[in-house]
């Protein structure tokens, strides 16, 4: 079967992401807003430019928040400053939750690379060492 050139072009046009997303192991994180406070979230996926998080709290689209890393004795990640660029209301078994598309605020932030590398693949913790990604 031969693929039509138009189908390839249409598929490329639908993919708007600058960097592919990789699924992560489910991790609880905290989102901290300067005025709205601290609220829990679940990390869904991560890329080199952003991440997806689900939360029960409604942050305004366009807001900047600080993502506190998952508390883990093995993995130490820096906090990450992100902007909410996409927001979708979802129904989760009768509860309303928000899916957020987040983009790292600074392109040269070392947290971007640290979060991507640490959370997109399983860690080898057989030696019992803590892994420090960035300070």
Foldseek 3Di string as FASTA:
>chain_A
DDDDPVVVVVVVVVPPDPWDKFFFDWAKKWKQAPPPGIFIWIWGIATLWWTKIKGLDDDDQQGKIWIGGGDDPAEDADIFIWGFHDWDWDQDPNGIMIITTIGGPDNPDQRSVLCNVPTRDDDDCVVVHHDYRDD
